[in-house]
Structures are given as C-alpha cells and as structure tokens.
Amino acid sequence: MAAGDRAVAAGPPASADRAAAAQVAAFLVSVPAFWLAGRIVLTGPLLAILPPLAVLLPGSLLVTGMSELAAGAMVAGASRLAHGAVKLLLFALGVVAAIQLVRPPEALIFSTGAAFRWPHALAGILAVALGILLLESVSPRLWGWVILVLLATFLAQVLAGTGRGVGSALGGFAGAVVASAGATLVELARPALPRLVVFLPSFWLLVPGTIGLQSITRSQASEFVAGPSLTQVGLLVLAIALGLLVGATLVRPVQRAVARRRARVSP
C-alpha cells in the first residue's frame, strides 16, 4: 500500500479517537460538577465546567472560519465552521450524558451564579492571563504587553455591551476590534514582540465556544426552545469575525506610515 493510501486509511480512526476524547473529557469534568451541585452549595454547575473545558472548545475554529468566509475564502471558512460545530456538538453530548447519569435539579443546571462585579472580573482576567502565560511558556518580557491588550479587550467588550450582557454581539465586536488593532500597534511600537503572541490571549477571551456549549446543552437537556440563544451564538461569531477584520483595517494606514518612516531612516 502506498504512503498516501496508508495515510488515508489511518485518517478515520484518528478522527474517531479525537471525537471520543472530546466526549470523554466533557463527561468526566461534568459528572463531579453536577454531582456536587446537588449536595453542596455550587451555583451554576454548567458554568463551573467551562473553565477546564475552555482550552478544548472550538470557539477559535468558529471565529476563524467566519473570518475566512468574510474574507472570501469560502472552502476553508466553511470547512472550519463545520468542524467547529461538530466538535461543539460532541462536547455537548458528553455534558448531556453526565446530566442524564447524575440527574441534578434543572434549576441548578441552568443557574447563572453571582452577578457581574468589576473587582471579581478584573481578578479573573489577571488569573486567565497568568494561566495562559504559564501554559504557553510566554517570555516574561511579553507579560506586560499581553496583559495590557487583554485588559483593553475586556474593557471594550464590557463597556460596549453595557446593558446587554458581556456576551452581546456589540461587546464582542468592540473587543475584537481592540484586540486586533491593539496587538498590531504593540508590534509596531516594539518590533521584537511577535503580534500573534500578544493577540492570542485576547482572542481566546473573545471566542464564543463557551456560550455555544451552554446553548447546545440547554437545547438537548431541557424542553425549552433554545433558538434565540443559538441565534445569539451565531451573531456573536459574526460580530467577532467582523471586529477582527475592522481592527486590522483601521491600523493599516498606521502600518504603512511606520513602514515608510523606517524605509527612510534605514541606510
């Protein structure tokens, strides 16, 4: 058998293993969360399982796919969107299986927890930043810039979404504009700092994988219609994708001016 044929033959089992791993991960994280929710004071177990699953959720696939569609890359964008949607569904199936096994009260499953508070939110952002910096082994000289862009992205997201919730489409659009433009401006000010390293933590803050997981889980685990919530996910994906494109467009004149200045200065 040729090497290409062997690769094709090995493809489906590998894909199946990744799909099974997504379901198993969601199931193993969800079972203790829902079991504890019925026995101790744990509000919002569906929200409690999102932090450990966040690094595995396909929010970046969804937003990147929408960005590619908006840029005219139809095949690549549609492929990423389909891949992300299937992965999200598999995660949701693992969560639903845990719900069916433990059977916690529905009021506990869909509890939203405590209200939004600025001190808690800022402390959470710093904790997220520290976790990403350590997870990705980011150089300490980049920490200040990463945290600066991350805080600016979060503030833009919250302030633009005031009265509509942090997950609103307008907040996602504003946060994406600031994340994209801010990372580019940092790279222009400090050419030695790679834009992608500064940008990715803010992008992961924006991606709507967690909201999508909640919406699909709700639609499968309860009897109420989740149409508006799923529609909100679609709008949020579109808003973030458009925000990334707008942010990149806004700083393009600055990039050209800086490039012309450096060309004149260089011998």
C-alpha atoms as a PDB file:
ATOM      1  CA  MET A   1       0.000   0.000   0.000  1.00  0.00           C
ATOM      2  CA  ALA A   2       1.296   3.455  -0.897  1.00  0.00           C
ATOM      3  CA  ALA A   3       2.142   6.001   1.780  1.00  0.00           C
ATOM      4  CA  GLY A   4      -0.775   8.214   0.719  1.00  0.00           C
ATOM      5  CA  ASP A   5      -3.177   5.276   0.889  1.00  0.00           C
ATOM      6  CA  ARG A   6      -1.906   4.370   4.351  1.00  0.00           C
ATOM      7  CA  ALA A   7      -2.440   7.991   5.493  1.00  0.00           C
ATOM      8  CA  VAL A   8      -5.987   7.989   4.132  1.00  0.00           C
ATOM      9  CA  ALA A   9      -6.700   4.645   5.738  1.00  0.00           C
ATOM     10  CA  ALA A  10      -5.362   5.899   9.075  1.00  0.00           C
ATOM     11  CA  GLY A  11      -7.407   9.100   8.946  1.00  0.00           C
ATOM     12  CA  PRO A  12     -10.863   7.977  10.158  1.00  0.00           C
ATOM     13  CA  PRO A  13      -9.617   6.093  13.265  1.00  0.00           C
ATOM     14  CA  ALA A  14      -7.560   9.130  14.308  1.00  0.00           C
ATOM     15  CA  SER A  15     -10.557  11.410  13.834  1.00  0.00           C
ATOM     16  CA  ALA A  16     -12.739   8.986  15.758  1.00  0.00           C
ATOM     17  CA  ASP A  17     -10.231   8.944  18.621  1.00  0.00           C
ATOM     18  CA  ARG A  18     -10.270  12.764  18.817  1.00  0.00           C
ATOM     19  CA  ALA A  19     -14.067  12.805  18.753  1.00  0.00           C
ATOM     20  CA  ALA A  20     -14.248  10.215  21.530  1.00  0.00           C
ATOM     21  CA  ALA A  21     -11.686  12.158  23.560  1.00  0.00           C
ATOM     22  CA  ALA A  22     -13.838  15.314  23.365  1.00  0.00           C
ATOM     23  CA  GLN A  23     -16.893  13.476  24.640  1.00  0.00           C
ATOM     24  CA  VAL A  24     -14.969  11.679  27.387  1.00  0.00           C
ATOM     25  CA  ALA A  25     -13.332  14.915  28.583  1.00  0.00           C
ATOM     26  CA  ALA A  26     -16.681  16.709  28.773  1.00  0.00           C
ATOM     27  CA  PHE A  27     -18.278  13.738  30.546  1.00  0.00           C
ATOM     28  CA  LEU A  28     -15.505  13.298  33.136  1.00  0.00           C
ATOM     29  CA  VAL A  29     -15.499  17.007  34.005  1.00  0.00           C
ATOM     30  CA  SER A  30     -19.296  17.260  34.139  1.00  0.00           C
ATOM     31  CA  VAL A  31     -20.106  14.265  36.345  1.00  0.00           C
ATOM     32  CA  PRO A  32     -18.427  15.557  39.549  1.00  0.00           C
ATOM     33  CA  ALA A  33     -19.673  19.107  38.949  1.00  0.00           C
ATOM     34  CA  PHE A  34     -23.321  18.072  38.639  1.00  0.00           C
ATOM     35  CA  TRP A  35     -22.986  15.545  41.471  1.00  0.00           C
ATOM     36  CA  LEU A  36     -21.606  18.211  43.826  1.00  0.00           C
ATOM     37  CA  ALA A  37     -24.299  20.688  42.773  1.00  0.00           C
ATOM     38  CA  GLY A  38     -26.940  18.513  44.374  1.00  0.00           C
ATOM     39  CA  ARG A  39     -25.030  18.073  47.640  1.00  0.00           C
ATOM     40  CA  ILE A  40     -23.177  21.320  48.399  1.00  0.00           C
ATOM     41  CA  VAL A  41     -23.705  24.979  47.606  1.00  0.00           C
ATOM     42  CA  LEU A  42     -22.490  25.082  43.999  1.00  0.00           C
ATOM     43  CA  THR A  43     -24.412  27.548  41.859  1.00  0.00           C
ATOM     44  CA  GLY A  44     -24.243  27.192  38.122  1.00  0.00           C
ATOM     45  CA  PRO A  45     -22.517  23.801  37.569  1.00  0.00           C
ATOM     46  CA  LEU A  46     -22.838  24.320  33.808  1.00  0.00           C
ATOM     47  CA  LEU A  47     -20.732  27.455  34.211  1.00  0.00           C
ATOM     48  CA  ALA A  48     -18.334  25.673  36.581  1.00  0.00           C
ATOM     49  CA  ILE A  49     -17.351  23.084  33.968  1.00  0.00           C
ATOM     50  CA  LEU A  50     -16.466  25.696  31.336  1.00  0.00           C
ATOM     51  CA  PRO A  51     -13.023  26.775  32.692  1.00  0.00           C
ATOM     52  CA  PRO A  52     -11.461  23.279  32.484  1.00  0.00           C
ATOM     53  CA  LEU A  53     -13.041  22.709  29.052  1.00  0.00           C
ATOM     54  CA  ALA A  54     -12.329  26.178  27.656  1.00  0.00           C
ATOM     55  CA  VAL A  55      -8.928  25.264  26.211  1.00  0.00           C
ATOM     56  CA  LEU A  56     -10.547  22.401  24.278  1.00  0.00           C
ATOM     57  CA  LEU A  57     -13.626  24.221  22.972  1.00  0.00           C
ATOM     58  CA  PRO A  58     -13.680  25.110  19.242  1.00  0.00           C
ATOM     59  CA  GLY A  59     -14.551  28.792  19.580  1.00  0.00           C
ATOM     60  CA  SER A  60     -11.431  29.795  17.677  1.00  0.00           C
ATOM     61  CA  LEU A  61     -12.395  27.450  14.844  1.00  0.00           C
ATOM     62  CA  LEU A  62     -15.814  29.088  14.571  1.00  0.00           C
ATOM     63  CA  VAL A  63     -14.493  32.645  14.572  1.00  0.00           C
ATOM     64  CA  THR A  64     -11.604  31.857  12.225  1.00  0.00           C
ATOM     65  CA  GLY A  65     -13.993  30.119   9.854  1.00  0.00           C
ATOM     66  CA  MET A  66     -16.332  33.112   9.850  1.00  0.00           C
ATOM     67  CA  SER A  67     -13.375  35.452   9.285  1.00  0.00           C
ATOM     68  CA  GLU A  68     -12.301  33.387   6.291  1.00  0.00           C
ATOM     69  CA  LEU A  69     -15.820  33.456   4.873  1.00  0.00           C
ATOM     70  CA  ALA A  70     -15.917  37.238   5.255  1.00  0.00           C
ATOM     71  CA  ALA A  71     -12.519  37.467   3.510  1.00  0.00           C
ATOM     72  CA  GLY A  72     -13.753  35.352   0.575  1.00  0.00           C
ATOM     73  CA  ALA A  73     -12.079  32.031   1.445  1.00  0.00           C
ATOM     74  CA  MET A  74     -15.303  30.055   1.114  1.00  0.00           C
ATOM     75  CA  VAL A  75     -13.938  26.494   1.147  1.00  0.00           C
ATOM     76  CA  ALA A  76     -11.592  26.985   4.109  1.00  0.00           C
ATOM     77  CA  GLY A  77     -14.172  29.007   6.061  1.00  0.00           C
ATOM     78  CA  ALA A  78     -16.997  26.535   5.533  1.00  0.00           C
ATOM     79  CA  SER A  79     -14.732  23.610   6.477  1.00  0.00           C
ATOM     80  CA  ARG A  80     -13.664  25.273   9.726  1.00  0.00           C
ATOM     81  CA  LEU A  81     -17.241  26.184  10.632  1.00  0.00           C
ATOM     82  CA  ALA A  82     -18.454  22.631  10.037  1.00  0.00           C
ATOM     83  CA  HIS A  83     -15.535  21.178  12.009  1.00  0.00           C
ATOM     84  CA  GLY A  84     -16.101  23.571  14.918  1.00  0.00           C
ATOM     85  CA  ALA A  85     -19.855  22.914  15.009  1.00  0.00           C
ATOM     86  CA  VAL A  86     -19.351  19.132  15.125  1.00  0.00           C
ATOM     87  CA  LYS A  87     -16.763  19.413  17.918  1.00  0.00           C
ATOM     88  CA  LEU A  88     -19.121  21.661  19.886  1.00  0.00           C
ATOM     89  CA  LEU A  89     -21.925  19.128  19.475  1.00  0.00           C
ATOM     90  CA  LEU A  90     -19.698  16.309  20.717  1.00  0.00           C
ATOM     91  CA  PHE A  91     -18.757  18.300  23.824  1.00  0.00           C
ATOM     92  CA  ALA A  92     -22.435  18.976  24.462  1.00  0.00           C
ATOM     93  CA  LEU A  93     -23.275  15.276  24.141  1.00  0.00           C
ATOM     94  CA  GLY A  94     -20.714  14.481  26.831  1.00  0.00           C
ATOM     95  CA  VAL A  95     -22.264  17.084  29.147  1.00  0.00           C
ATOM     96  CA  VAL A  96     -25.791  15.805  28.453  1.00  0.00           C
ATOM     97  CA  ALA A  97     -24.677  12.244  29.204  1.00  0.00           C
ATOM     98  CA  ALA A  98     -23.393  13.422  32.592  1.00  0.00           C
ATOM     99  CA  ILE A  99     -26.697  15.195  33.267  1.00  0.00           C
ATOM    100  CA  GLN A 100     -28.641  12.042  32.435  1.00  0.00           C
ATOM    101  CA  LEU A 101     -26.417   9.986  34.747  1.00  0.00           C
ATOM    102  CA  VAL A 102     -26.455  12.315  37.770  1.00  0.00           C
ATOM    103  CA  ARG A 103     -29.881  13.921  37.146  1.00  0.00           C
ATOM    104  CA  PRO A 104     -29.397  17.126  39.191  1.00  0.00           C
ATOM    105  CA  PRO A 105     -32.312  19.579  39.604  1.00  0.00           C
ATOM    106  CA  GLU A 106     -32.822  21.610  36.420  1.00  0.00           C
ATOM    107  CA  ALA A 107     -32.822  24.848  38.436  1.00  0.00           C
ATOM    108  CA  LEU A 108     -29.217  24.095  39.461  1.00  0.00           C
ATOM    109  CA  ILE A 109     -28.082  23.144  35.946  1.00  0.00           C
ATOM    110  CA  PHE A 110     -29.038  26.435  34.350  1.00  0.00           C
ATOM    111  CA  SER A 111     -28.269  28.756  37.272  1.00  0.00           C
ATOM    112  CA  THR A 112     -26.235  31.788  36.216  1.00  0.00           C
ATOM    113  CA  GLY A 113     -24.453  32.231  39.535  1.00  0.00           C
ATOM    114  CA  ALA A 114     -23.470  35.594  41.039  1.00  0.00           C
ATOM    115  CA  ALA A 115     -23.977  38.968  39.393  1.00  0.00           C
ATOM    116  CA  PHE A 116     -21.195  40.733  37.493  1.00  0.00           C
ATOM    117  CA  ARG A 117     -18.780  42.682  39.712  1.00  0.00           C
ATOM    118  CA  TRP A 118     -15.800  44.687  38.494  1.00  0.00           C
ATOM    119  CA  PRO A 119     -13.274  43.564  41.165  1.00  0.00           C
ATOM    120  CA  HIS A 120     -14.088  39.907  40.537  1.00  0.00           C
ATOM    121  CA  ALA A 121     -13.954  40.393  36.783  1.00  0.00           C
ATOM    122  CA  LEU A 122     -10.551  42.107  36.832  1.00  0.00           C
ATOM    123  CA  ALA A 123      -9.147  39.480  39.192  1.00  0.00           C
ATOM    124  CA  GLY A 124     -10.462  36.801  36.846  1.00  0.00           C
ATOM    125  CA  ILE A 125      -8.837  38.449  33.827  1.00  0.00           C
ATOM    126  CA  LEU A 126      -5.487  38.560  35.606  1.00  0.00           C
ATOM    127  CA  ALA A 127      -5.875  34.899  36.566  1.00  0.00           C
ATOM    128  CA  VAL A 128      -6.696  33.999  32.952  1.00  0.00           C
ATOM    129  CA  ALA A 129      -3.686  35.982  31.745  1.00  0.00           C
ATOM    130  CA  LEU A 130      -1.354  34.253  34.216  1.00  0.00           C
ATOM    131  CA  GLY A 131      -2.690  30.832  33.254  1.00  0.00           C
ATOM    132  CA  ILE A 132      -2.236  31.456  29.520  1.00  0.00           C
ATOM    133  CA  LEU A 133       1.232  32.928  30.007  1.00  0.00           C
ATOM    134  CA  LEU A 134       2.372  29.907  32.003  1.00  0.00           C
ATOM    135  CA  LEU A 135       0.587  27.378  29.782  1.00  0.00           C
ATOM    136  CA  GLU A 136       2.128  28.755  26.602  1.00  0.00           C
ATOM    137  CA  SER A 137       5.555  29.463  28.193  1.00  0.00           C
ATOM    138  CA  VAL A 138       5.446  33.111  27.135  1.00  0.00           C
ATOM    139  CA  SER A 139       8.647  35.037  27.768  1.00  0.00           C
ATOM    140  CA  PRO A 140       8.394  37.288  30.855  1.00  0.00           C
ATOM    141  CA  ARG A 141       9.318  40.322  28.719  1.00  0.00           C
ATOM    142  CA  LEU A 142       5.964  39.923  26.933  1.00  0.00           C
ATOM    143  CA  TRP A 143       3.806  39.611  30.030  1.00  0.00           C
ATOM    144  CA  GLY A 144       3.081  43.315  30.459  1.00  0.00           C
ATOM    145  CA  TRP A 145       2.055  43.784  26.823  1.00  0.00           C
ATOM    146  CA  VAL A 146      -0.126  40.669  26.801  1.00  0.00           C
ATOM    147  CA  ILE A 147      -1.925  41.745  29.974  1.00  0.00           C
ATOM    148  CA  LEU A 148      -2.345  45.299  28.628  1.00  0.00           C
ATOM    149  CA  VAL A 149      -4.019  44.140  25.407  1.00  0.00           C
ATOM    150  CA  LEU A 150      -6.073  41.584  27.329  1.00  0.00           C
ATOM    151  CA  LEU A 151      -7.395  44.205  29.759  1.00  0.00           C
ATOM    152  CA  ALA A 152      -8.133  46.642  26.907  1.00  0.00           C
ATOM    153  CA  THR A 153     -10.048  43.917  25.060  1.00  0.00           C
ATOM    154  CA  PHE A 154     -12.083  43.024  28.122  1.00  0.00           C
ATOM    155  CA  LEU A 155     -12.900  46.647  28.947  1.00  0.00           C
ATOM    156  CA  ALA A 156     -14.023  47.315  25.377  1.00  0.00           C
ATOM    157  CA  GLN A 157     -16.157  44.177  25.415  1.00  0.00           C
ATOM    158  CA  VAL A 158     -17.856  45.043  28.696  1.00  0.00           C
ATOM    159  CA  LEU A 159     -18.337  48.770  28.092  1.00  0.00           C
ATOM    160  CA  ALA A 160     -19.750  48.287  24.597  1.00  0.00           C
ATOM    161  CA  GLY A 161     -22.017  45.536  25.891  1.00  0.00           C
ATOM    162  CA  THR A 162     -23.305  47.515  28.909  1.00  0.00           C
ATOM    163  CA  GLY A 163     -26.966  46.748  29.436  1.00  0.00           C
ATOM    164  CA  ARG A 164     -26.806  43.803  27.015  1.00  0.00           C
ATOM    165  CA  GLY A 165     -24.502  41.412  28.845  1.00  0.00           C
ATOM    166  CA  VAL A 166     -20.823  40.626  28.405  1.00  0.00           C
ATOM    167  CA  GLY A 167     -21.669  38.141  25.684  1.00  0.00           C
ATOM    168  CA  SER A 168     -23.523  40.633  23.493  1.00  0.00           C
ATOM    169  CA  ALA A 169     -22.684  40.917  19.809  1.00  0.00           C
ATOM    170  CA  LEU A 170     -21.783  44.610  20.149  1.00  0.00           C
ATOM    171  CA  GLY A 171     -19.398  43.854  23.016  1.00  0.00           C
ATOM    172  CA  GLY A 172     -17.798  41.031  21.037  1.00  0.00           C
ATOM    173  CA  PHE A 173     -17.347  43.315  18.036  1.00  0.00           C
ATOM    174  CA  ALA A 174     -15.721  46.080  20.110  1.00  0.00           C
ATOM    175  CA  GLY A 175     -13.451  43.631  21.909  1.00  0.00           C
ATOM    176  CA  ALA A 176     -12.344  42.076  18.621  1.00  0.00           C
ATOM    177  CA  VAL A 177     -11.525  45.493  17.146  1.00  0.00           C
ATOM    178  CA  VAL A 178      -9.413  46.414  20.179  1.00  0.00           C
ATOM    179  CA  ALA A 179      -7.686  43.003  20.300  1.00  0.00           C
ATOM    180  CA  SER A 180      -6.757  43.047  16.622  1.00  0.00           C
ATOM    181  CA  ALA A 181      -5.711  46.705  16.482  1.00  0.00           C
ATOM    182  CA  GLY A 182      -4.009  46.674  19.888  1.00  0.00           C
ATOM    183  CA  ALA A 183      -1.808  43.676  19.103  1.00  0.00           C
ATOM    184  CA  THR A 184      -0.744  45.256  15.797  1.00  0.00           C
ATOM    185  CA  LEU A 185       0.072  48.584  17.447  1.00  0.00           C
ATOM    186  CA  VAL A 186       2.171  46.812  20.075  1.00  0.00           C
ATOM    187  CA  GLU A 187       4.125  45.065  17.326  1.00  0.00           C
ATOM    188  CA  LEU A 188       4.671  48.400  15.565  1.00  0.00           C
ATOM    189  CA  ALA A 189       5.903  50.031  18.779  1.00  0.00           C
ATOM    190  CA  ARG A 190       8.083  47.049  19.710  1.00  0.00           C
ATOM    191  CA  PRO A 191       9.027  45.143  16.526  1.00  0.00           C
ATOM    192  CA  ALA A 192      10.755  42.452  18.551  1.00  0.00           C
ATOM    193  CA  LEU A 193       7.421  41.456  20.132  1.00  0.00           C
ATOM    194  CA  PRO A 194       5.503  38.966  17.906  1.00  0.00           C
ATOM    195  CA  ARG A 195       1.948  40.117  17.211  1.00  0.00           C
ATOM    196  CA  LEU A 196       0.446  36.639  17.391  1.00  0.00           C
ATOM    197  CA  VAL A 197       1.721  36.003  20.917  1.00  0.00           C
ATOM    198  CA  VAL A 198       0.237  39.305  22.125  1.00  0.00           C
ATOM    199  CA  PHE A 199      -3.029  38.760  20.252  1.00  0.00           C
ATOM    200  CA  LEU A 200      -3.919  35.136  21.013  1.00  0.00           C
ATOM    201  CA  PRO A 201      -4.821  35.506  24.737  1.00  0.00           C
ATOM    202  CA  SER A 202      -7.288  38.281  23.873  1.00  0.00           C
ATOM    203  CA  PHE A 203      -8.690  36.195  21.040  1.00  0.00           C
ATOM    204  CA  TRP A 204      -9.261  33.263  23.399  1.00  0.00           C
ATOM    205  CA  LEU A 205     -11.073  35.634  25.740  1.00  0.00           C
ATOM    206  CA  LEU A 206     -13.490  36.550  22.947  1.00  0.00           C
ATOM    207  CA  VAL A 207     -14.208  33.219  21.294  1.00  0.00           C
ATOM    208  CA  PRO A 208     -17.817  32.111  21.913  1.00  0.00           C
ATOM    209  CA  GLY A 209     -17.190  28.411  22.400  1.00  0.00           C
ATOM    210  CA  THR A 210     -18.431  28.504  25.994  1.00  0.00           C
ATOM    211  CA  ILE A 211     -21.673  30.260  25.045  1.00  0.00           C
ATOM    212  CA  GLY A 212     -22.207  27.792  22.222  1.00  0.00           C
ATOM    213  CA  LEU A 213     -21.674  24.836  24.556  1.00  0.00           C
ATOM    214  CA  GLN A 214     -24.226  26.215  27.006  1.00  0.00           C
ATOM    215  CA  SER A 215     -26.782  26.814  24.264  1.00  0.00           C
ATOM    216  CA  ILE A 216     -26.473  23.381  22.671  1.00  0.00           C
ATOM    217  CA  THR A 217     -26.503  21.681  26.078  1.00  0.00           C
ATOM    218  CA  ARG A 218     -29.653  23.558  27.016  1.00  0.00           C
ATOM    219  CA  SER A 219     -31.352  22.599  23.763  1.00  0.00           C
ATOM    220  CA  GLN A 220     -30.614  18.895  24.362  1.00  0.00           C
ATOM    221  CA  ALA A 221     -31.034  18.694  28.138  1.00  0.00           C
ATOM    222  CA  SER A 222     -34.274  20.627  28.655  1.00  0.00           C
ATOM    223  CA  GLU A 223     -37.590  21.094  26.938  1.00  0.00           C
ATOM    224  CA  PHE A 224     -37.476  24.834  26.309  1.00  0.00           C
ATOM    225  CA  VAL A 225     -36.659  26.188  22.851  1.00  0.00           C
ATOM    226  CA  ALA A 226     -33.040  27.368  22.594  1.00  0.00           C
ATOM    227  CA  GLY A 227     -33.454  29.075  19.221  1.00  0.00           C
ATOM    228  CA  PRO A 228     -32.793  32.656  20.409  1.00  0.00           C
ATOM    229  CA  SER A 229     -29.738  31.520  22.359  1.00  0.00           C
ATOM    230  CA  LEU A 230     -28.286  29.678  19.370  1.00  0.00           C
ATOM    231  CA  THR A 231     -29.058  32.710  17.233  1.00  0.00           C
ATOM    232  CA  GLN A 232     -27.094  34.823  19.708  1.00  0.00           C
ATOM    233  CA  VAL A 233     -24.117  32.498  19.284  1.00  0.00           C
ATOM    234  CA  GLY A 234     -24.236  32.950  15.516  1.00  0.00           C
ATOM    235  CA  LEU A 235     -24.437  36.723  15.849  1.00  0.00           C
ATOM    236  CA  LEU A 236     -21.556  36.728  18.319  1.00  0.00           C
ATOM    237  CA  VAL A 237     -19.365  34.649  15.995  1.00  0.00           C
ATOM    238  CA  LEU A 238     -20.142  37.034  13.126  1.00  0.00           C
ATOM    239  CA  ALA A 239     -19.539  40.118  15.292  1.00  0.00           C
ATOM    240  CA  ILE A 240     -16.128  38.886  16.480  1.00  0.00           C
ATOM    241  CA  ALA A 241     -15.068  37.925  12.957  1.00  0.00           C
ATOM    242  CA  LEU A 242     -16.078  41.325  11.588  1.00  0.00           C
ATOM    243  CA  GLY A 243     -14.373  43.042  14.523  1.00  0.00           C
ATOM    244  CA  LEU A 244     -11.095  41.302  13.721  1.00  0.00           C
ATOM    245  CA  LEU A 245     -11.325  42.444  10.104  1.00  0.00           C
ATOM    246  CA  VAL A 246     -12.237  46.019  11.081  1.00  0.00           C
ATOM    247  CA  GLY A 247      -9.404  46.203  13.628  1.00  0.00           C
ATOM    248  CA  ALA A 248      -6.887  45.032  11.044  1.00  0.00           C
ATOM    249  CA  THR A 249      -8.217  47.578   8.538  1.00  0.00           C
ATOM    250  CA  LEU A 250      -8.112  50.505  10.971  1.00  0.00           C
ATOM    251  CA  VAL A 251      -4.414  50.113  11.740  1.00  0.00           C
ATOM    252  CA  ARG A 252      -3.354  49.512   8.132  1.00  0.00           C
ATOM    253  CA  PRO A 253      -2.645  53.233   7.469  1.00  0.00           C
ATOM    254  CA  VAL A 254      -0.505  53.325  10.607  1.00  0.00           C
ATOM    255  CA  GLN A 255       1.407  50.247   9.421  1.00  0.00           C
ATOM    256  CA  ARG A 256       2.100  51.876   6.060  1.00  0.00           C
ATOM    257  CA  ALA A 257       3.243  55.129   7.669  1.00  0.00           C
ATOM    258  CA  VAL A 258       5.589  53.302  10.022  1.00  0.00           C
ATOM    259  CA  ALA A 259       6.968  51.204   7.152  1.00  0.00           C
ATOM    260  CA  ARG A 260       7.661  54.352   5.062  1.00  0.00           C
ATOM    261  CA  ARG A 261       9.357  56.052   8.022  1.00  0.00           C
ATOM    262  CA  ARG A 262      11.585  53.043   8.692  1.00  0.00           C
ATOM    263  CA  ALA A 263      12.455  52.832   4.991  1.00  0.00           C
ATOM    264  CA  ARG A 264      13.622  56.459   5.009  1.00  0.00           C
ATOM    265  CA  VAL A 265      15.630  56.020   8.216  1.00  0.00           C
ATOM    266  CA  SER A 266      17.324  52.790   7.199  1.00  0.00           C
ATOM    267  CA  PRO A 267      20.564  53.198   5.196  1.00  0.00           C
END
